[in-house]
PDB file of all heavy atoms in Angstrom:
ATOM      1  N   GLU A   1      -3.859  49.823  -1.779  1.00  0.00           N
ATOM      2  CA  GLU A   1      -5.022  50.658  -1.494  1.00  0.00           C
ATOM      3  C   GLU A   1      -5.077  51.065  -0.066  1.00  0.00           C
ATOM      4  O   GLU A   1      -4.034  51.691   0.462  1.00  0.00           O
ATOM      5  CB  GLU A   1      -6.295  49.910  -1.889  1.00  0.00           C
ATOM      6  CG  GLU A   1      -6.350  49.616  -3.345  1.00  0.00           C
ATOM      7  CD  GLU A   1      -7.471  48.683  -3.824  1.00  0.00           C
ATOM      8  OE1 GLU A   1      -8.162  48.149  -2.820  1.00  0.00           O
ATOM      9  OE2 GLU A   1      -7.669  48.457  -4.914  1.00  0.00           O
ATOM     10  N   ASN A   2      -6.018  50.711   0.784  1.00  0.00           N
ATOM     11  CA  ASN A   2      -6.094  51.038   2.213  1.00  0.00           C
ATOM     12  C   ASN A   2      -5.759  49.872   3.106  1.00  0.00           C
ATOM     13  O   ASN A   2      -6.060  49.902   4.325  1.00  0.00           O
ATOM     14  CB  ASN A   2      -7.643  51.424   2.476  1.00  0.00           C
ATOM     15  CG  ASN A   2      -8.051  52.689   1.804  1.00  0.00           C
ATOM     16  OD1 ASN A   2      -7.061  53.548   1.655  1.00  0.00           O
ATOM     17  ND2 ASN A   2      -9.205  52.869   1.381  1.00  0.00           N
ATOM     18  N   ALA A   3      -4.756  49.082   2.611  1.00  0.00           N
ATOM     19  CA  ALA A   3      -4.301  48.009   3.402  1.00  0.00           C
ATOM     20  C   ALA A   3      -2.757  48.126   3.370  1.00  0.00           C
ATOM     21  O   ALA A   3      -2.105  48.385   2.503  1.00  0.00           O
ATOM     22  CB  ALA A   3      -4.760  46.563   2.875  1.00  0.00           C
ATOM     23  N   ALA A   4      -2.156  47.768   4.640  1.00  0.00           N
ATOM     24  CA  ALA A   4      -0.769  47.596   4.853  1.00  0.00           C
ATOM     25  C   ALA A   4      -0.519  46.176   5.306  1.00  0.00           C
ATOM     26  O   ALA A   4      -1.045  45.713   6.300  1.00  0.00           O
ATOM     27  CB  ALA A   4      -0.179  48.609   5.789  1.00  0.00           C
ATOM     28  N   PHE A   5       0.396  45.438   4.518  1.00  0.00           N
ATOM     29  CA  PHE A   5       0.699  44.065   4.767  1.00  0.00           C
ATOM     30  C   PHE A   5       2.031  44.121   5.487  1.00  0.00           C
ATOM     31  O   PHE A   5       3.139  44.516   4.943  1.00  0.00           O
ATOM     32  CB  PHE A   5       0.825  43.314   3.510  1.00  0.00           C
ATOM     33  CG  PHE A   5      -0.478  43.165   2.754  1.00  0.00           C
ATOM     34  CD1 PHE A   5      -0.882  44.167   1.958  1.00  0.00           C
ATOM     35  CD2 PHE A   5      -1.226  42.008   2.950  1.00  0.00           C
ATOM     36  CE1 PHE A   5      -2.194  44.017   1.310  1.00  0.00           C
ATOM     37  CE2 PHE A   5      -2.454  41.818   2.329  1.00  0.00           C
ATOM     38  CZ  PHE A   5      -2.875  42.893   1.393  1.00  0.00           C
ATOM     39  N   MET A   6       2.015  43.602   6.755  1.00  0.00           N
ATOM     40  CA  MET A   6       3.244  43.733   7.642  1.00  0.00           C
ATOM     41  C   MET A   6       3.877  42.357   7.780  1.00  0.00           C
ATOM     42  O   MET A   6       3.139  41.328   8.143  1.00  0.00           O
ATOM     43  CB  MET A   6       2.893  44.249   9.041  1.00  0.00           C
ATOM     44  CG  MET A   6       2.154  45.551   8.984  1.00  0.00           C
ATOM     45  SD  MET A   6       3.105  46.877   8.295  1.00  0.00           S
ATOM     46  CE  MET A   6       4.525  46.971   9.360  1.00  0.00           C
ATOM     47  N   MET A   7       5.152  42.203   7.361  1.00  0.00           N
ATOM     48  CA  MET A   7       5.816  40.922   7.644  1.00  0.00           C
ATOM     49  C   MET A   7       6.380  40.891   8.972  1.00  0.00           C
ATOM     50  O   MET A   7       7.342  41.776   9.364  1.00  0.00           O
ATOM     51  CB  MET A   7       6.955  40.768   6.543  1.00  0.00           C
ATOM     52  CG  MET A   7       6.525  40.748   5.141  1.00  0.00           C
ATOM     53  SD  MET A   7       5.428  39.402   4.667  1.00  0.00           S
ATOM     54  CE  MET A   7       3.883  40.276   4.841  1.00  0.00           C
ATOM     55  N   ASP A   8       5.876  39.859   9.861  1.00  0.00           N
ATOM     56  CA  ASP A   8       6.174  39.998  11.169  1.00  0.00           C
ATOM     57  C   ASP A   8       6.948  38.688  11.662  1.00  0.00           C
ATOM     58  O   ASP A   8       6.744  38.291  12.826  1.00  0.00           O
ATOM     59  CB  ASP A   8       4.853  40.021  12.001  1.00  0.00           C
ATOM     60  CG  ASP A   8       5.004  40.359  13.535  1.00  0.00           C
ATOM     61  OD1 ASP A   8       5.791  41.278  13.776  1.00  0.00           O
ATOM     62  OD2 ASP A   8       4.401  39.709  14.319  1.00  0.00           O
ATOM     63  N   PHE A   9       7.822  38.149  10.847  1.00  0.00           N
ATOM     64  CA  PHE A   9       8.574  36.996  11.186  1.00  0.00           C
ATOM     65  C   PHE A   9       7.671  35.711  11.382  1.00  0.00           C
ATOM     66  O   PHE A   9       7.874  34.749  10.693  1.00  0.00           O
ATOM     67  CB  PHE A   9       9.446  37.165  12.359  1.00  0.00           C
ATOM     68  CG  PHE A   9      10.706  37.826  12.078  1.00  0.00           C
ATOM     69  CD1 PHE A   9      11.173  38.976  12.807  1.00  0.00           C
ATOM     70  CD2 PHE A   9      11.516  37.494  11.105  1.00  0.00           C
ATOM     71  CE1 PHE A   9      12.261  39.715  12.491  1.00  0.00           C
ATOM     72  CE2 PHE A   9      12.710  38.150  10.705  1.00  0.00           C
ATOM     73  CZ  PHE A   9      13.062  39.204  11.504  1.00  0.00           C
ATOM     74  N   PHE A  10       6.656  35.815  12.261  1.00  0.00           N
ATOM     75  CA  PHE A  10       5.932  34.649  12.477  1.00  0.00           C
ATOM     76  C   PHE A  10       4.392  34.751  11.887  1.00  0.00           C
ATOM     77  O   PHE A  10       3.707  33.717  11.932  1.00  0.00           O
ATOM     78  CB  PHE A  10       5.675  34.408  14.000  1.00  0.00           C
ATOM     79  CG  PHE A  10       7.095  34.360  14.736  1.00  0.00           C
ATOM     80  CD1 PHE A  10       7.408  35.309  15.654  1.00  0.00           C
ATOM     81  CD2 PHE A  10       8.050  33.371  14.323  1.00  0.00           C
ATOM     82  CE1 PHE A  10       8.595  35.249  16.270  1.00  0.00           C
ATOM     83  CE2 PHE A  10       9.186  33.289  15.008  1.00  0.00           C
ATOM     84  CZ  PHE A  10       9.530  34.178  15.858  1.00  0.00           C
ATOM     85  N   SER A  11       4.110  35.797  11.382  1.00  0.00           N
ATOM     86  CA  SER A  11       2.808  35.994  10.763  1.00  0.00           C
ATOM     87  C   SER A  11       2.791  37.136   9.755  1.00  0.00           C
ATOM     88  O   SER A  11       3.691  37.928   9.739  1.00  0.00           O
ATOM     89  CB  SER A  11       1.816  36.316  11.936  1.00  0.00           C
ATOM     90  OG  SER A  11       2.108  37.540  12.472  1.00  0.00           O
ATOM     91  N   ILE A  12       1.614  37.215   9.108  1.00  0.00           N
ATOM     92  CA  ILE A  12       1.450  38.433   8.283  1.00  0.00           C
ATOM     93  C   ILE A  12       0.233  39.213   8.823  1.00  0.00           C
ATOM     94  O   ILE A  12      -0.907  38.567   9.025  1.00  0.00           O
ATOM     95  CB  ILE A  12       1.054  37.974   6.805  1.00  0.00           C
ATOM     96  CG1 ILE A  12       2.259  37.184   6.197  1.00  0.00           C
ATOM     97  CG2 ILE A  12       0.818  39.190   5.867  1.00  0.00           C
ATOM     98  CD1 ILE A  12       1.984  36.527   4.896  1.00  0.00           C
ATOM     99  N   GLU A  13       0.554  40.277   9.141  1.00  0.00           N
ATOM    100  CA  GLU A  13      -0.563  41.271   9.911  1.00  0.00           C
ATOM    101  C   GLU A  13      -1.002  42.230   8.868  1.00  0.00           C
ATOM    102  O   GLU A  13      -0.179  43.002   8.202  1.00  0.00           O
ATOM    103  CB  GLU A  13       0.012  41.909  11.047  1.00  0.00           C
ATOM    104  CG  GLU A  13       0.762  40.982  12.118  1.00  0.00           C
ATOM    105  CD  GLU A  13      -0.279  40.121  12.776  1.00  0.00           C
ATOM    106  OE1 GLU A  13      -1.436  40.639  13.124  1.00  0.00           O
ATOM    107  OE2 GLU A  13       0.012  38.940  13.067  1.00  0.00           O
ATOM    108  N   ILE A  14      -2.336  42.336   8.706  1.00  0.00           N
ATOM    109  CA  ILE A  14      -2.849  43.224   7.708  1.00  0.00           C
ATOM    110  C   ILE A  14      -3.634  44.395   8.325  1.00  0.00           C
ATOM    111  O   ILE A  14      -4.611  44.080   9.287  1.00  0.00           O
ATOM    112  CB  ILE A  14      -3.867  42.442   6.730  1.00  0.00           C
ATOM    113  CG1 ILE A  14      -3.153  41.269   6.086  1.00  0.00           C
ATOM    114  CG2 ILE A  14      -4.521  43.351   5.578  1.00  0.00           C
ATOM    115  CD1 ILE A  14      -3.982  40.411   5.225  1.00  0.00           C
ATOM    116  N   MET A  15      -3.261  45.560   8.215  1.00  0.00           N
ATOM    117  CA  MET A  15      -3.655  46.756   8.739  1.00  0.00           C
ATOM    118  C   MET A  15      -4.604  47.642   7.825  1.00  0.00           C
ATOM    119  O   MET A  15      -4.244  47.766   6.711  1.00  0.00           O
ATOM    120  CB  MET A  15      -2.542  47.744   9.304  1.00  0.00           C
ATOM    121  CG  MET A  15      -1.510  46.918  10.040  1.00  0.00           C
ATOM    122  SD  MET A  15      -2.099  46.475  11.648  1.00  0.00           S
ATOM    123  CE  MET A  15      -0.372  45.860  12.388  1.00  0.00           C
ATOM    124  N   ASP A  16      -5.743  48.089   8.411  1.00  0.00           N
ATOM    125  CA  ASP A  16      -6.569  49.017   7.715  1.00  0.00           C
ATOM    126  C   ASP A  16      -5.992  50.420   7.919  1.00  0.00           C
ATOM    127  O   ASP A  16      -6.049  50.953   9.062  1.00  0.00           O
ATOM    128  CB  ASP A  16      -8.025  48.840   8.047  1.00  0.00           C
ATOM    129  CG  ASP A  16      -8.950  49.613   7.320  1.00  0.00           C
ATOM    130  OD1 ASP A  16      -8.655  50.641   6.748  1.00  0.00           O
ATOM    131  OD2 ASP A  16     -10.081  49.314   7.260  1.00  0.00           O
ATOM    132  N   ILE A  17      -5.510  51.038   6.794  1.00  0.00           N
ATOM    133  CA  ILE A  17      -4.927  52.437   6.962  1.00  0.00           C
ATOM    134  C   ILE A  17      -5.802  53.337   6.236  1.00  0.00           C
ATOM    135  O   ILE A  17      -5.440  54.480   5.807  1.00  0.00           O
ATOM    136  CB  ILE A  17      -3.650  52.473   6.452  1.00  0.00           C
ATOM    137  CG1 ILE A  17      -3.516  51.847   4.967  1.00  0.00           C
ATOM    138  CG2 ILE A  17      -2.680  51.573   7.149  1.00  0.00           C
ATOM    139  CD1 ILE A  17      -2.168  52.130   4.293  1.00  0.00           C
ATOM    140  N   SER A  18      -7.133  53.238   6.297  1.00  0.00           N
ATOM    141  CA  SER A  18      -8.081  54.110   5.688  1.00  0.00           C
ATOM    142  C   SER A  18      -8.073  55.446   6.415  1.00  0.00           C
ATOM    143  O   SER A  18      -8.095  56.536   5.809  1.00  0.00           O
ATOM    144  CB  SER A  18      -9.555  53.558   5.719  1.00  0.00           C
ATOM    145  OG  SER A  18      -9.655  52.439   5.090  1.00  0.00           O
ATOM    146  N   TYR A  19      -7.929  55.457   7.687  1.00  0.00           N
ATOM    147  CA  TYR A  19      -7.785  56.669   8.482  1.00  0.00           C
ATOM    148  C   TYR A  19      -6.137  56.585   9.019  1.00  0.00           C
ATOM    149  O   TYR A  19      -6.014  55.904  10.035  1.00  0.00           O
ATOM    150  CB  TYR A  19      -8.717  56.752   9.551  1.00  0.00           C
ATOM    151  CG  TYR A  19      -8.578  57.970  10.298  1.00  0.00           C
ATOM    152  CD1 TYR A  19      -8.616  59.301   9.663  1.00  0.00           C
ATOM    153  CD2 TYR A  19      -8.601  57.981  11.711  1.00  0.00           C
ATOM    154  CE1 TYR A  19      -8.523  60.444  10.419  1.00  0.00           C
ATOM    155  CE2 TYR A  19      -8.465  59.066  12.516  1.00  0.00           C
ATOM    156  CZ  TYR A  19      -8.443  60.338  11.818  1.00  0.00           C
ATOM    157  OH  TYR A  19      -8.358  61.496  12.522  1.00  0.00           O
ATOM    158  N   LEU A  20      -5.272  57.361   8.458  1.00  0.00           N
ATOM    159  CA  LEU A  20      -3.957  57.236   8.708  1.00  0.00           C
ATOM    160  C   LEU A  20      -3.588  57.452  10.255  1.00  0.00           C
ATOM    161  O   LEU A  20      -2.655  57.040  10.826  1.00  0.00           O
ATOM    162  CB  LEU A  20      -3.106  58.012   7.859  1.00  0.00           C
ATOM    163  CG  LEU A  20      -2.984  57.739   6.362  1.00  0.00           C
ATOM    164  CD1 LEU A  20      -2.352  58.767   5.615  1.00  0.00           C
ATOM    165  CD2 LEU A  20      -2.658  56.338   6.114  1.00  0.00           C
ATOM    166  N   PHE A  21      -4.466  58.259  10.891  1.00  0.00           N
ATOM    167  CA  PHE A  21      -4.245  58.707  12.275  1.00  0.00           C
ATOM    168  C   PHE A  21      -4.730  57.671  13.295  1.00  0.00           C
ATOM    169  O   PHE A  21      -4.381  57.798  14.535  1.00  0.00           O
ATOM    170  CB  PHE A  21      -4.841  60.059  12.547  1.00  0.00           C
ATOM    171  CG  PHE A  21      -4.168  61.102  11.717  1.00  0.00           C
ATOM    172  CD1 PHE A  21      -4.526  61.369  10.501  1.00  0.00           C
ATOM    173  CD2 PHE A  21      -3.075  61.866  12.257  1.00  0.00           C
ATOM    174  CE1 PHE A  21      -4.053  62.450   9.716  1.00  0.00           C
ATOM    175  CE2 PHE A  21      -2.472  62.858  11.505  1.00  0.00           C
ATOM    176  CZ  PHE A  21      -2.986  63.160  10.210  1.00  0.00           C
ATOM    177  N   ALA A  22      -5.361  56.665  12.741  1.00  0.00           N
ATOM    178  CA  ALA A  22      -5.830  55.593  13.629  1.00  0.00           C
ATOM    179  C   ALA A  22      -5.908  54.226  12.970  1.00  0.00           C
ATOM    180  O   ALA A  22      -7.021  53.741  12.695  1.00  0.00           O
ATOM    181  CB  ALA A  22      -7.191  55.886  14.302  1.00  0.00           C
ATOM    182  N   PRO A  23      -4.907  53.695  12.326  1.00  0.00           N
ATOM    183  CA  PRO A  23      -4.889  52.385  11.687  1.00  0.00           C
ATOM    184  C   PRO A  23      -5.381  51.298  12.532  1.00  0.00           C
ATOM    185  O   PRO A  23      -5.187  51.356  13.791  1.00  0.00           O
ATOM    186  CB  PRO A  23      -3.469  52.276  11.242  1.00  0.00           C
ATOM    187  CG  PRO A  23      -2.627  53.101  12.177  1.00  0.00           C
ATOM    188  CD  PRO A  23      -3.485  54.176  12.632  1.00  0.00           C
ATOM    189  N   LEU A  24      -6.001  50.304  12.065  1.00  0.00           N
ATOM    190  CA  LEU A  24      -6.561  49.135  12.676  1.00  0.00           C
ATOM    191  C   LEU A  24      -6.092  47.904  12.203  1.00  0.00           C
ATOM    192  O   LEU A  24      -5.954  47.705  10.886  1.00  0.00           O
ATOM    193  CB  LEU A  24      -8.055  49.097  12.677  1.00  0.00           C
ATOM    194  CG  LEU A  24      -8.876  50.344  13.255  1.00  0.00           C
ATOM    195  CD1 LEU A  24     -10.305  50.330  12.885  1.00  0.00           C
ATOM    196  CD2 LEU A  24      -8.612  50.516  14.729  1.00  0.00           C
ATOM    197  N   LYS A  25      -5.837  46.960  13.043  1.00  0.00           N
ATOM    198  CA  LYS A  25      -5.457  45.590  12.631  1.00  0.00           C
ATOM    199  C   LYS A  25      -6.706  44.809  12.237  1.00  0.00           C
ATOM    200  O   LYS A  25      -7.625  44.699  13.157  1.00  0.00           O
ATOM    201  CB  LYS A  25      -4.676  44.823  13.693  1.00  0.00           C
ATOM    202  CG  LYS A  25      -4.119  43.517  13.230  1.00  0.00           C
ATOM    203  CD  LYS A  25      -2.964  42.887  14.120  1.00  0.00           C
ATOM    204  CE  LYS A  25      -3.584  42.604  15.489  1.00  0.00           C
ATOM    205  NZ  LYS A  25      -2.478  41.958  16.304  1.00  0.00           N
TER     206      LYS A  25
END
């Protein structure tokens, strides 16, 4: 949906991509 799950080696960072031009962690 509007979330991007990023695998960051040491953590999982979840980004809000509701507005693609300004995603937020």
